[in-house]
Amino acid sequence: MDDLRVRARRIAAWLGLGESAVIACDATIGGGSLPGDRMDSVAVRIETAHADGLAKRLRTGDPPVVGRIEDDALLLDLRTVEPADDDALANAVARAAEGVGRGG
């Protein structure tokens, strides 16, 4: 968990998000194949009035990024992201966010 928090802080800072963007969350084990089984994780929480649009742009981007929406914010759970992919993740989010809310 400590490593996940460090990575999330780095990504949040790179995206210009504050410390409050780093949150504890629950990850579903097995992508839902083990109903009810969860484990602790850490996510970067991106608050935006356009969470659905940002999520869609990320899913259809290159590389595709899958997050989840909770309480009108997009969560990017780092449990399933390899540390070597952190920069690619941050860059993908920055690119996707560029057109969100402007018809993009």
PDB file of N, CA and C in Angstrom:
ATOM      1  N   MET A   1       0.829  -1.198   0.000  1.00  0.00           N
ATOM      2  CA  MET A   1       0.000   0.000   0.000  1.00  0.00           C
ATOM      3  C   MET A   1       0.871   1.258   0.000  1.00  0.00           C
ATOM      4  N   ASP A   2       1.981   1.220   0.728  1.00  0.00           N
ATOM      5  CA  ASP A   2       2.852   2.397   0.745  1.00  0.00           C
ATOM      6  C   ASP A   2       3.381   2.724  -0.648  1.00  0.00           C
ATOM      7  N   ASP A   3       3.791   1.693  -1.382  1.00  0.00           N
ATOM      8  CA  ASP A   3       4.284   1.918  -2.739  1.00  0.00           C
ATOM      9  C   ASP A   3       3.189   2.488  -3.640  1.00  0.00           C
ATOM     10  N   LEU A   4       1.962   1.970  -3.489  1.00  0.00           N
ATOM     11  CA  LEU A   4       0.848   2.490  -4.280  1.00  0.00           C
ATOM     12  C   LEU A   4       0.595   3.964  -3.968  1.00  0.00           C
ATOM     13  N   ARG A   5       0.664   4.329  -2.683  1.00  0.00           N
ATOM     14  CA  ARG A   5       0.455   5.737  -2.296  1.00  0.00           C
ATOM     15  C   ARG A   5       1.531   6.642  -2.891  1.00  0.00           C
ATOM     16  N   VAL A   6       2.774   6.197  -2.853  1.00  0.00           N
ATOM     17  CA  VAL A   6       3.875   6.991  -3.416  1.00  0.00           C
ATOM     18  C   VAL A   6       3.647   7.206  -4.915  1.00  0.00           C
ATOM     19  N   ARG A   7       3.292   6.141  -5.606  1.00  0.00           N
ATOM     20  CA  ARG A   7       3.036   6.243  -7.047  1.00  0.00           C
ATOM     21  C   ARG A   7       1.853   7.161  -7.326  1.00  0.00           C
ATOM     22  N   ALA A   8       0.772   7.019  -6.562  1.00  0.00           N
ATOM     23  CA  ALA A   8      -0.414   7.854  -6.762  1.00  0.00           C
ATOM     24  C   ALA A   8      -0.087   9.332  -6.513  1.00  0.00           C
ATOM     25  N   ARG A   9       0.692   9.613  -5.490  1.00  0.00           N
ATOM     26  CA  ARG A   9       1.087  11.013  -5.213  1.00  0.00           C
ATOM     27  C   ARG A   9       1.875  11.588  -6.390  1.00  0.00           C
ATOM     28  N   ARG A  10       2.768  10.781  -6.954  1.00  0.00           N
ATOM     29  CA  ARG A  10       3.582  11.242  -8.072  1.00  0.00           C
ATOM     30  C   ARG A  10       2.703  11.535  -9.289  1.00  0.00           C
ATOM     31  N   ILE A  11       1.774  10.635  -9.593  1.00  0.00           N
ATOM     32  CA  ILE A  11       0.887  10.831 -10.735  1.00  0.00           C
ATOM     33  C   ILE A  11      -0.025  12.034 -10.504  1.00  0.00           C
ATOM     34  N   ALA A  12      -0.586  12.143  -9.315  1.00  0.00           N
ATOM     35  CA  ALA A  12      -1.463  13.277  -8.997  1.00  0.00           C
ATOM     36  C   ALA A  12      -0.709  14.592  -9.133  1.00  0.00           C
ATOM     37  N   ALA A  13       0.516  14.644  -8.640  1.00  0.00           N
ATOM     38  CA  ALA A  13       1.313  15.867  -8.743  1.00  0.00           C
ATOM     39  C   ALA A  13       1.596  16.197 -10.208  1.00  0.00           C
ATOM     40  N   TRP A  14       1.931  15.192 -10.998  1.00  0.00           N
ATOM     41  CA  TRP A  14       2.222  15.396 -12.412  1.00  0.00           C
ATOM     42  C   TRP A  14       1.012  15.964 -13.135  1.00  0.00           C
ATOM     43  N   LEU A  15      -0.185  15.537 -12.712  1.00  0.00           N
ATOM     44  CA  LEU A  15      -1.429  16.013 -13.333  1.00  0.00           C
ATOM     45  C   LEU A  15      -1.919  17.331 -12.739  1.00  0.00           C
ATOM     46  N   GLY A  16      -1.203  17.857 -11.754  1.00  0.00           N
ATOM     47  CA  GLY A  16      -1.610  19.112 -11.135  1.00  0.00           C
ATOM     48  C   GLY A  16      -2.738  18.958 -10.139  1.00  0.00           C
ATOM     49  N   LEU A  17      -2.911  17.751  -9.629  1.00  0.00           N
ATOM     50  CA  LEU A  17      -3.945  17.477  -8.632  1.00  0.00           C
ATOM     51  C   LEU A  17      -3.328  17.546  -7.242  1.00  0.00           C
ATOM     52  N   GLY A  18      -4.104  17.893  -6.270  1.00  0.00           N
ATOM     53  CA  GLY A  18      -3.610  17.992  -4.903  1.00  0.00           C
ATOM     54  C   GLY A  18      -3.523  16.643  -4.213  1.00  0.00           C
ATOM     55  N   GLU A  19      -2.996  16.663  -3.024  1.00  0.00           N
ATOM     56  CA  GLU A  19      -2.855  15.465  -2.197  1.00  0.00           C
ATOM     57  C   GLU A  19      -4.193  14.778  -1.963  1.00  0.00           C
ATOM     58  N   SER A  20      -5.269  15.562  -1.952  1.00  0.00           N
ATOM     59  CA  SER A  20      -6.592  14.979  -1.715  1.00  0.00           C
ATOM     60  C   SER A  20      -7.042  14.075  -2.869  1.00  0.00           C
ATOM     61  N   ALA A  21      -6.342  14.110  -4.002  1.00  0.00           N
ATOM     62  CA  ALA A  21      -6.683  13.248  -5.131  1.00  0.00           C
ATOM     63  C   ALA A  21      -6.211  11.811  -4.910  1.00  0.00           C
ATOM     64  N   VAL A  22      -5.378  11.589  -3.915  1.00  0.00           N
ATOM     65  CA  VAL A  22      -4.878  10.249  -3.603  1.00  0.00           C
ATOM     66  C   VAL A  22      -5.770   9.670  -2.512  1.00  0.00           C
ATOM     67  N   ILE A  23      -6.489   8.595  -2.861  1.00  0.00           N
ATOM     68  CA  ILE A  23      -7.458   8.047  -1.914  1.00  0.00           C
ATOM     69  C   ILE A  23      -7.288   6.539  -1.751  1.00  0.00           C
ATOM     70  N   ALA A  24      -7.681   6.064  -0.598  1.00  0.00           N
ATOM     71  CA  ALA A  24      -7.767   4.619  -0.373  1.00  0.00           C
ATOM     72  C   ALA A  24      -9.043   4.128  -1.040  1.00  0.00           C
ATOM     73  N   CYS A  25      -8.995   2.925  -1.586  1.00  0.00           N
ATOM     74  CA  CYS A  25     -10.181   2.350  -2.219  1.00  0.00           C
ATOM     75  C   CYS A  25     -10.126   0.834  -2.093  1.00  0.00           C
ATOM     76  N   ASP A  26     -11.178   0.192  -2.553  1.00  0.00           N
ATOM     77  CA  ASP A  26     -11.237  -1.268  -2.600  1.00  0.00           C
ATOM     78  C   ASP A  26     -11.131  -1.710  -4.041  1.00  0.00           C
ATOM     79  N   ALA A  27     -10.310  -2.719  -4.283  1.00  0.00           N
ATOM     80  CA  ALA A  27     -10.198  -3.313  -5.611  1.00  0.00           C
ATOM     81  C   ALA A  27     -10.942  -4.643  -5.603  1.00  0.00           C
ATOM     82  N   THR A  28     -11.653  -4.914  -6.679  1.00  0.00           N
ATOM     83  CA  THR A  28     -12.351  -6.188  -6.818  1.00  0.00           C
ATOM     84  C   THR A  28     -11.361  -7.230  -7.320  1.00  0.00           C
ATOM     85  N   ILE A  29     -11.319  -8.349  -6.646  1.00  0.00           N
ATOM     86  CA  ILE A  29     -10.397  -9.425  -7.018  1.00  0.00           C
ATOM     87  C   ILE A  29     -10.982 -10.207  -8.176  1.00  0.00           C
ATOM     88  N   GLY A  30     -10.171 -10.467  -9.188  1.00  0.00           N
ATOM     89  CA  GLY A  30     -10.606 -11.298 -10.302  1.00  0.00           C
ATOM     90  C   GLY A  30     -11.550 -10.611 -11.260  1.00  0.00           C
ATOM     91  N   GLY A  31     -11.580  -9.291 -11.255  1.00  0.00           N
ATOM     92  CA  GLY A  31     -12.447  -8.576 -12.188  1.00  0.00           C
ATOM     93  C   GLY A  31     -13.912  -8.930 -12.022  1.00  0.00           C
ATOM     94  N   GLY A  32     -14.295  -9.315 -10.820  1.00  0.00           N
ATOM     95  CA  GLY A  32     -15.685  -9.647 -10.557  1.00  0.00           C
ATOM     96  C   GLY A  32     -15.960 -11.138 -10.547  1.00  0.00           C
ATOM     97  N   SER A  33     -14.946 -11.958 -10.838  1.00  0.00           N
ATOM     98  CA  SER A  33     -15.166 -13.404 -10.866  1.00  0.00           C
ATOM     99  C   SER A  33     -15.276 -13.990  -9.458  1.00  0.00           C
ATOM    100  N   LEU A  34     -14.868 -13.230  -8.460  1.00  0.00           N
ATOM    101  CA  LEU A  34     -14.998 -13.640  -7.061  1.00  0.00           C
ATOM    102  C   LEU A  34     -15.907 -12.641  -6.367  1.00  0.00           C
ATOM    103  N   PRO A  35     -17.225 -12.760  -6.549  1.00  0.00           N
ATOM    104  CA  PRO A  35     -18.159 -11.763  -6.024  1.00  0.00           C
ATOM    105  C   PRO A  35     -17.947 -11.480  -4.544  1.00  0.00           C
ATOM    106  N   GLY A  36     -17.819 -10.211  -4.227  1.00  0.00           N
ATOM    107  CA  GLY A  36     -17.685  -9.800  -2.837  1.00  0.00           C
ATOM    108  C   GLY A  36     -16.263  -9.801  -2.320  1.00  0.00           C
ATOM    109  N   ASP A  37     -15.320 -10.436  -3.029  1.00  0.00           N
ATOM    110  CA  ASP A  37     -13.931 -10.442  -2.571  1.00  0.00           C
ATOM    111  C   ASP A  37     -13.255  -9.150  -3.001  1.00  0.00           C
ATOM    112  N   ARG A  38     -12.664  -8.489  -2.034  1.00  0.00           N
ATOM    113  CA  ARG A  38     -12.021  -7.195  -2.287  1.00  0.00           C
ATOM    114  C   ARG A  38     -10.675  -7.150  -1.584  1.00  0.00           C
ATOM    115  N   MET A  39      -9.838  -6.220  -2.055  1.00  0.00           N
ATOM    116  CA  MET A  39      -8.578  -5.973  -1.380  1.00  0.00           C
ATOM    117  C   MET A  39      -8.318  -4.470  -1.363  1.00  0.00           C
ATOM    118  N   ASP A  40      -7.540  -4.037  -0.403  1.00  0.00           N
ATOM    119  CA  ASP A  40      -7.214  -2.621  -0.286  1.00  0.00           C
ATOM    120  C   ASP A  40      -6.374  -2.175  -1.469  1.00  0.00           C
ATOM    121  N   SER A  41      -6.595  -0.938  -1.884  1.00  0.00           N
ATOM    122  CA  SER A  41      -5.825  -0.366  -2.974  1.00  0.00           C
ATOM    123  C   SER A  41      -5.764   1.149  -2.802  1.00  0.00           C
ATOM    124  N   VAL A  42      -5.134   1.799  -3.758  1.00  0.00           N
ATOM    125  CA  VAL A  42      -5.008   3.255  -3.774  1.00  0.00           C
ATOM    126  C   VAL A  42      -5.345   3.722  -5.180  1.00  0.00           C
ATOM    127  N   ALA A  43      -6.073   4.829  -5.273  1.00  0.00           N
ATOM    128  CA  ALA A  43      -6.466   5.377  -6.575  1.00  0.00           C
ATOM    129  C   ALA A  43      -6.165   6.867  -6.638  1.00  0.00           C
ATOM    130  N   VAL A  44      -6.052   7.336  -7.859  1.00  0.00           N
ATOM    131  CA  VAL A  44      -6.015   8.772  -8.127  1.00  0.00           C
ATOM    132  C   VAL A  44      -7.446   9.154  -8.478  1.00  0.00           C
ATOM    133  N   ARG A  45      -7.994  10.107  -7.721  1.00  0.00           N
ATOM    134  CA  ARG A  45      -9.375  10.551  -7.911  1.00  0.00           C
ATOM    135  C   ARG A  45      -9.363  11.855  -8.691  1.00  0.00           C
ATOM    136  N   ILE A  46     -10.025  11.837  -9.849  1.00  0.00           N
ATOM    137  CA  ILE A  46     -10.065  13.016 -10.708  1.00  0.00           C
ATOM    138  C   ILE A  46     -11.486  13.568 -10.683  1.00  0.00           C
ATOM    139  N   GLU A  47     -11.630  14.710 -10.028  1.00  0.00           N
ATOM    140  CA  GLU A  47     -12.938  15.356  -9.950  1.00  0.00           C
ATOM    141  C   GLU A  47     -13.116  16.232 -11.179  1.00  0.00           C
ATOM    142  N   THR A  48     -14.206  15.997 -11.891  1.00  0.00           N
ATOM    143  CA  THR A  48     -14.513  16.769 -13.084  1.00  0.00           C
ATOM    144  C   THR A  48     -16.013  16.709 -13.326  1.00  0.00           C
ATOM    145  N   ALA A  49     -16.529  17.752 -13.896  1.00  0.00           N
ATOM    146  CA  ALA A  49     -17.946  17.764 -14.249  1.00  0.00           C
ATOM    147  C   ALA A  49     -18.215  16.849 -15.442  1.00  0.00           C
ATOM    148  N   HIS A  50     -17.149  16.328 -16.036  1.00  0.00           N
ATOM    149  CA  HIS A  50     -17.260  15.504 -17.240  1.00  0.00           C
ATOM    150  C   HIS A  50     -16.612  14.136 -17.034  1.00  0.00           C
ATOM    151  N   ALA A  51     -16.885  13.492 -15.906  1.00  0.00           N
ATOM    152  CA  ALA A  51     -16.259  12.198 -15.599  1.00  0.00           C
ATOM    153  C   ALA A  51     -16.576  11.154 -16.659  1.00  0.00           C
ATOM    154  N   ASP A  52     -17.825  11.103 -17.127  1.00  0.00           N
ATOM    155  CA  ASP A  52     -18.191  10.127 -18.159  1.00  0.00           C
ATOM    156  C   ASP A  52     -17.408  10.360 -19.450  1.00  0.00           C
ATOM    157  N   GLY A  53     -17.298  11.605 -19.857  1.00  0.00           N
ATOM    158  CA  GLY A  53     -16.560  11.927 -21.080  1.00  0.00           C
ATOM    159  C   GLY A  53     -15.086  11.603 -20.956  1.00  0.00           C
ATOM    160  N   LEU A  54     -14.502  11.917 -19.801  1.00  0.00           N
ATOM    161  CA  LEU A  54     -13.095  11.610 -19.585  1.00  0.00           C
ATOM    162  C   LEU A  54     -12.881  10.102 -19.583  1.00  0.00           C
ATOM    163  N   ALA A  55     -13.760   9.375 -18.927  1.00  0.00           N
ATOM    164  CA  ALA A  55     -13.640   7.910 -18.890  1.00  0.00           C
ATOM    165  C   ALA A  55     -13.715   7.326 -20.299  1.00  0.00           C
ATOM    166  N   LYS A  56     -14.628   7.853 -21.120  1.00  0.00           N
ATOM    167  CA  LYS A  56     -14.762   7.353 -22.493  1.00  0.00           C
ATOM    168  C   LYS A  56     -13.512   7.656 -23.304  1.00  0.00           C
ATOM    169  N   ARG A  57     -12.996   8.876 -23.194  1.00  0.00           N
ATOM    170  CA  ARG A  57     -11.784   9.239 -23.943  1.00  0.00           C
ATOM    171  C   ARG A  57     -10.609   8.367 -23.517  1.00  0.00           C
ATOM    172  N   LEU A  58     -10.532   8.038 -22.243  1.00  0.00           N
ATOM    173  CA  LEU A  58      -9.446   7.172 -21.771  1.00  0.00           C
ATOM    174  C   LEU A  58      -9.604   5.749 -22.310  1.00  0.00           C
ATOM    175  N   ARG A  59     -10.821   5.223 -22.260  1.00  0.00           N
ATOM    176  CA  ARG A  59     -11.064   3.850 -22.751  1.00  0.00           C
ATOM    177  C   ARG A  59     -10.748   3.708 -24.230  1.00  0.00           C
ATOM    178  N   THR A  60     -11.017   4.758 -24.997  1.00  0.00           N
ATOM    179  CA  THR A  60     -10.836   4.681 -26.446  1.00  0.00           C
ATOM    180  C   THR A  60      -9.501   5.267 -26.897  1.00  0.00           C
ATOM    181  N   GLY A  61      -8.668   5.652 -25.950  1.00  0.00           N
ATOM    182  CA  GLY A  61      -7.373   6.234 -26.275  1.00  0.00           C
ATOM    183  C   GLY A  61      -6.309   5.181 -26.532  1.00  0.00           C
ATOM    184  N   ASP A  62      -5.098   5.659 -26.752  1.00  0.00           N
ATOM    185  CA  ASP A  62      -3.952   4.783 -26.965  1.00  0.00           C
ATOM    186  C   ASP A  62      -2.816   5.255 -26.067  1.00  0.00           C
ATOM    187  N   PRO A  63      -2.534   4.518 -25.031  1.00  0.00           N
ATOM    188  CA  PRO A  63      -3.081   3.214 -24.643  1.00  0.00           C
ATOM    189  C   PRO A  63      -4.451   3.379 -23.998  1.00  0.00           C
ATOM    190  N   PRO A  64      -5.304   2.359 -24.116  1.00  0.00           N
ATOM    191  CA  PRO A  64      -6.597   2.437 -23.436  1.00  0.00           C
ATOM    192  C   PRO A  64      -6.404   2.371 -21.931  1.00  0.00           C
ATOM    193  N   VAL A  65      -7.171   3.182 -21.214  1.00  0.00           N
ATOM    194  CA  VAL A  65      -7.118   3.229 -19.754  1.00  0.00           C
ATOM    195  C   VAL A  65      -8.532   3.041 -19.240  1.00  0.00           C
ATOM    196  N   VAL A  66      -8.700   2.096 -18.332  1.00  0.00           N
ATOM    197  CA  VAL A  66     -10.023   1.828 -17.775  1.00  0.00           C
ATOM    198  C   VAL A  66     -10.034   2.269 -16.316  1.00  0.00           C
ATOM    199  N   GLY A  67     -10.914   3.188 -16.013  1.00  0.00           N
ATOM    200  CA  GLY A  67     -11.123   3.634 -14.642  1.00  0.00           C
ATOM    201  C   GLY A  67     -12.553   3.327 -14.249  1.00  0.00           C
ATOM    202  N   ARG A  68     -12.954   3.842 -13.099  1.00  0.00           N
ATOM    203  CA  ARG A  68     -14.346   3.681 -12.694  1.00  0.00           C
ATOM    204  C   ARG A  68     -14.835   5.000 -12.105  1.00  0.00           C
ATOM    205  N   ILE A  69     -16.130   5.213 -12.232  1.00  0.00           N
ATOM    206  CA  ILE A  69     -16.712   6.448 -11.720  1.00  0.00           C
ATOM    207  C   ILE A  69     -17.399   6.158 -10.399  1.00  0.00           C
ATOM    208  N   GLU A  70     -17.049   6.940  -9.398  1.00  0.00           N
ATOM    209  CA  GLU A  70     -17.679   6.880  -8.085  1.00  0.00           C
ATOM    210  C   GLU A  70     -17.904   8.308  -7.612  1.00  0.00           C
ATOM    211  N   ASP A  71     -19.102   8.586  -7.147  1.00  0.00           N
ATOM    212  CA  ASP A  71     -19.436   9.912  -6.626  1.00  0.00           C
ATOM    213  C   ASP A  71     -19.044  11.016  -7.602  1.00  0.00           C
ATOM    214  N   ASP A  72     -19.385  10.825  -8.877  1.00  0.00           N
ATOM    215  CA  ASP A  72     -19.146  11.814  -9.931  1.00  0.00           C
ATOM    216  C   ASP A  72     -17.670  12.134 -10.163  1.00  0.00           C
ATOM    217  N   ALA A  73     -16.774  11.241  -9.781  1.00  0.00           N
ATOM    218  CA  ALA A  73     -15.345  11.420 -10.030  1.00  0.00           C
ATOM    219  C   ALA A  73     -14.802  10.156 -10.684  1.00  0.00           C
ATOM    220  N   LEU A  74     -13.761  10.309 -11.470  1.00  0.00           N
ATOM    221  CA  LEU A  74     -13.111   9.174 -12.106  1.00  0.00           C
ATOM    222  C   LEU A  74     -11.993   8.671 -11.201  1.00  0.00           C
ATOM    223  N   LEU A  75     -12.014   7.379 -10.899  1.00  0.00           N
ATOM    224  CA  LEU A  75     -10.972   6.759 -10.084  1.00  0.00           C
ATOM    225  C   LEU A  75     -10.079   5.914 -10.965  1.00  0.00           C
ATOM    226  N   LEU A  76      -8.785   6.093 -10.822  1.00  0.00           N
ATOM    227  CA  LEU A  76      -7.803   5.267 -11.501  1.00  0.00           C
ATOM    228  C   LEU A  76      -7.070   4.464 -10.429  1.00  0.00           C
ATOM    229  N   ASP A  77      -7.450   3.203 -10.305  1.00  0.00           N
ATOM    230  CA  ASP A  77      -6.914   2.309  -9.286  1.00  0.00           C
ATOM    231  C   ASP A  77      -5.552   1.807  -9.744  1.00  0.00           C
ATOM    232  N   LEU A  78      -4.536   2.068  -8.950  1.00  0.00           N
ATOM    233  CA  LEU A  78      -3.178   1.709  -9.348  1.00  0.00           C
ATOM    234  C   LEU A  78      -2.821   0.256  -9.080  1.00  0.00           C
ATOM    235  N   ARG A  79      -3.676  -0.487  -8.411  1.00  0.00           N
ATOM    236  CA  ARG A  79      -3.395  -1.894  -8.106  1.00  0.00           C
ATOM    237  C   ARG A  79      -3.122  -2.689  -9.388  1.00  0.00           C
ATOM    238  N   THR A  80      -3.788  -2.325 -10.484  1.00  0.00           N
ATOM    239  CA  THR A  80      -3.662  -3.094 -11.721  1.00  0.00           C
ATOM    240  C   THR A  80      -2.761  -2.422 -12.756  1.00  0.00           C
ATOM    241  N   VAL A  81      -2.033  -1.398 -12.339  1.00  0.00           N
ATOM    242  CA  VAL A  81      -1.125  -0.697 -13.244  1.00  0.00           C
ATOM    243  C   VAL A  81       0.307  -1.027 -12.842  1.00  0.00           C
ATOM    244  N   GLU A  82       1.086  -1.491 -13.797  1.00  0.00           N
ATOM    245  CA  GLU A  82       2.494  -1.762 -13.528  1.00  0.00           C
ATOM    246  C   GLU A  82       3.217  -0.434 -13.274  1.00  0.00           C
ATOM    247  N   PRO A  83       4.117  -0.388 -12.300  1.00  0.00           N
ATOM    248  CA  PRO A  83       4.841   0.859 -12.032  1.00  0.00           C
ATOM    249  C   PRO A  83       5.543   1.431 -13.264  1.00  0.00           C
ATOM    250  N   ALA A  84       6.015   0.576 -14.146  1.00  0.00           N
ATOM    251  CA  ALA A  84       6.685   1.048 -15.360  1.00  0.00           C
ATOM    252  C   ALA A  84       5.727   1.780 -16.298  1.00  0.00           C
ATOM    253  N   ASP A  85       4.426   1.628 -16.074  1.00  0.00           N
ATOM    254  CA  ASP A  85       3.418   2.275 -16.926  1.00  0.00           C
ATOM    255  C   ASP A  85       2.863   3.571 -16.334  1.00  0.00           C
ATOM    256  N   ASP A  86       3.371   4.004 -15.197  1.00  0.00           N
ATOM    257  CA  ASP A  86       2.849   5.205 -14.543  1.00  0.00           C
ATOM    258  C   ASP A  86       2.942   6.444 -15.430  1.00  0.00           C
ATOM    259  N   ASP A  87       4.079   6.636 -16.106  1.00  0.00           N
ATOM    260  CA  ASP A  87       4.223   7.810 -16.970  1.00  0.00           C
ATOM    261  C   ASP A  87       3.249   7.757 -18.138  1.00  0.00           C
ATOM    262  N   ALA A  88       3.081   6.576 -18.731  1.00  0.00           N
ATOM    263  CA  ALA A  88       2.127   6.422 -19.840  1.00  0.00           C
ATOM    264  C   ALA A  88       0.708   6.715 -19.367  1.00  0.00           C
ATOM    265  N   LEU A  89       0.379   6.274 -18.147  1.00  0.00           N
ATOM    266  CA  LEU A  89      -0.945   6.544 -17.578  1.00  0.00           C
ATOM    267  C   LEU A  89      -1.153   8.048 -17.410  1.00  0.00           C
ATOM    268  N   ALA A  90      -0.197   8.719 -16.804  1.00  0.00           N
ATOM    269  CA  ALA A  90      -0.323  10.160 -16.575  1.00  0.00           C
ATOM    270  C   ALA A  90      -0.436  10.912 -17.899  1.00  0.00           C
ATOM    271  N   ASN A  91       0.358  10.522 -18.885  1.00  0.00           N
ATOM    272  CA  ASN A  91       0.288  11.168 -20.200  1.00  0.00           C
ATOM    273  C   ASN A  91      -1.054  10.918 -20.867  1.00  0.00           C
ATOM    274  N   ALA A  92      -1.577   9.702 -20.753  1.00  0.00           N
ATOM    275  CA  ALA A  92      -2.881   9.383 -21.346  1.00  0.00           C
ATOM    276  C   ALA A  92      -3.984  10.224 -20.722  1.00  0.00           C
ATOM    277  N   VAL A  93      -3.936  10.391 -19.405  1.00  0.00           N
ATOM    278  CA  VAL A  93      -4.949  11.201 -18.707  1.00  0.00           C
ATOM    279  C   VAL A  93      -4.844  12.657 -19.170  1.00  0.00           C
ATOM    280  N   ALA A  94      -3.633  13.175 -19.236  1.00  0.00           N
ATOM    281  CA  ALA A  94      -3.466  14.563 -19.661  1.00  0.00           C
ATOM    282  C   ALA A  94      -4.002  14.775 -21.078  1.00  0.00           C
ATOM    283  N   ARG A  95      -3.689  13.849 -21.996  1.00  0.00           N
ATOM    284  CA  ARG A  95      -4.199  13.969 -23.370  1.00  0.00           C
ATOM    285  C   ARG A  95      -5.727  13.875 -23.413  1.00  0.00           C
ATOM    286  N   ALA A  96      -6.274  12.929 -22.691  1.00  0.00           N
ATOM    287  CA  ALA A  96      -7.738  12.735 -22.694  1.00  0.00           C
ATOM    288  C   ALA A  96      -8.457  13.941 -22.118  1.00  0.00           C
ATOM    289  N   ALA A  97      -7.874  14.562 -21.121  1.00  0.00           N
ATOM    290  CA  ALA A  97      -8.509  15.692 -20.450  1.00  0.00           C
ATOM    291  C   ALA A  97      -8.529  16.954 -21.313  1.00  0.00           C
ATOM    292  N   GLU A  98      -7.656  17.015 -22.301  1.00  0.00           N
ATOM    293  CA  GLU A  98      -7.551  18.228 -23.128  1.00  0.00           C
ATOM    294  C   GLU A  98      -8.859  18.613 -23.806  1.00  0.00           C
ATOM    295  N   GLY A  99      -9.613  17.639 -24.327  1.00  0.00           N
ATOM    296  CA  GLY A  99     -10.820  17.977 -25.077  1.00  0.00           C
ATOM    297  C   GLY A  99     -12.108  17.760 -24.312  1.00  0.00           C
ATOM    298  N   VAL A 100     -12.040  17.254 -23.106  1.00  0.00           N
ATOM    299  CA  VAL A 100     -13.256  16.969 -22.343  1.00  0.00           C
ATOM    300  C   VAL A 100     -13.944  18.272 -21.974  1.00  0.00           C
ATOM    301  N   GLY A 101     -15.247  18.320 -22.211  1.00  0.00           N
ATOM    302  CA  GLY A 101     -16.029  19.508 -21.853  1.00  0.00           C
ATOM    303  C   GLY A 101     -16.068  20.545 -22.958  1.00  0.00           C
ATOM    304  N   ARG A 102     -15.333  20.290 -24.025  1.00  0.00           N
ATOM    305  CA  ARG A 102     -15.348  21.222 -25.168  1.00  0.00           C
ATOM    306  C   ARG A 102     -15.825  20.496 -26.417  1.00  0.00           C
ATOM    307  N   GLY A 103     -16.705  19.526 -26.175  1.00  0.00           N
ATOM    308  CA  GLY A 103     -17.231  18.767 -27.302  1.00  0.00           C
ATOM    309  C   GLY A 103     -16.356  17.605 -27.692  1.00  0.00           C
ATOM    310  N   GLY A 104     -15.264  17.359 -26.915  1.00  0.00           N
ATOM    311  CA  GLY A 104     -14.327  16.305 -27.298  1.00  0.00           C
ATOM    312  C   GLY A 104     -14.532  15.031 -26.626  1.00  0.00           C
TER     313      GLY A 104
END
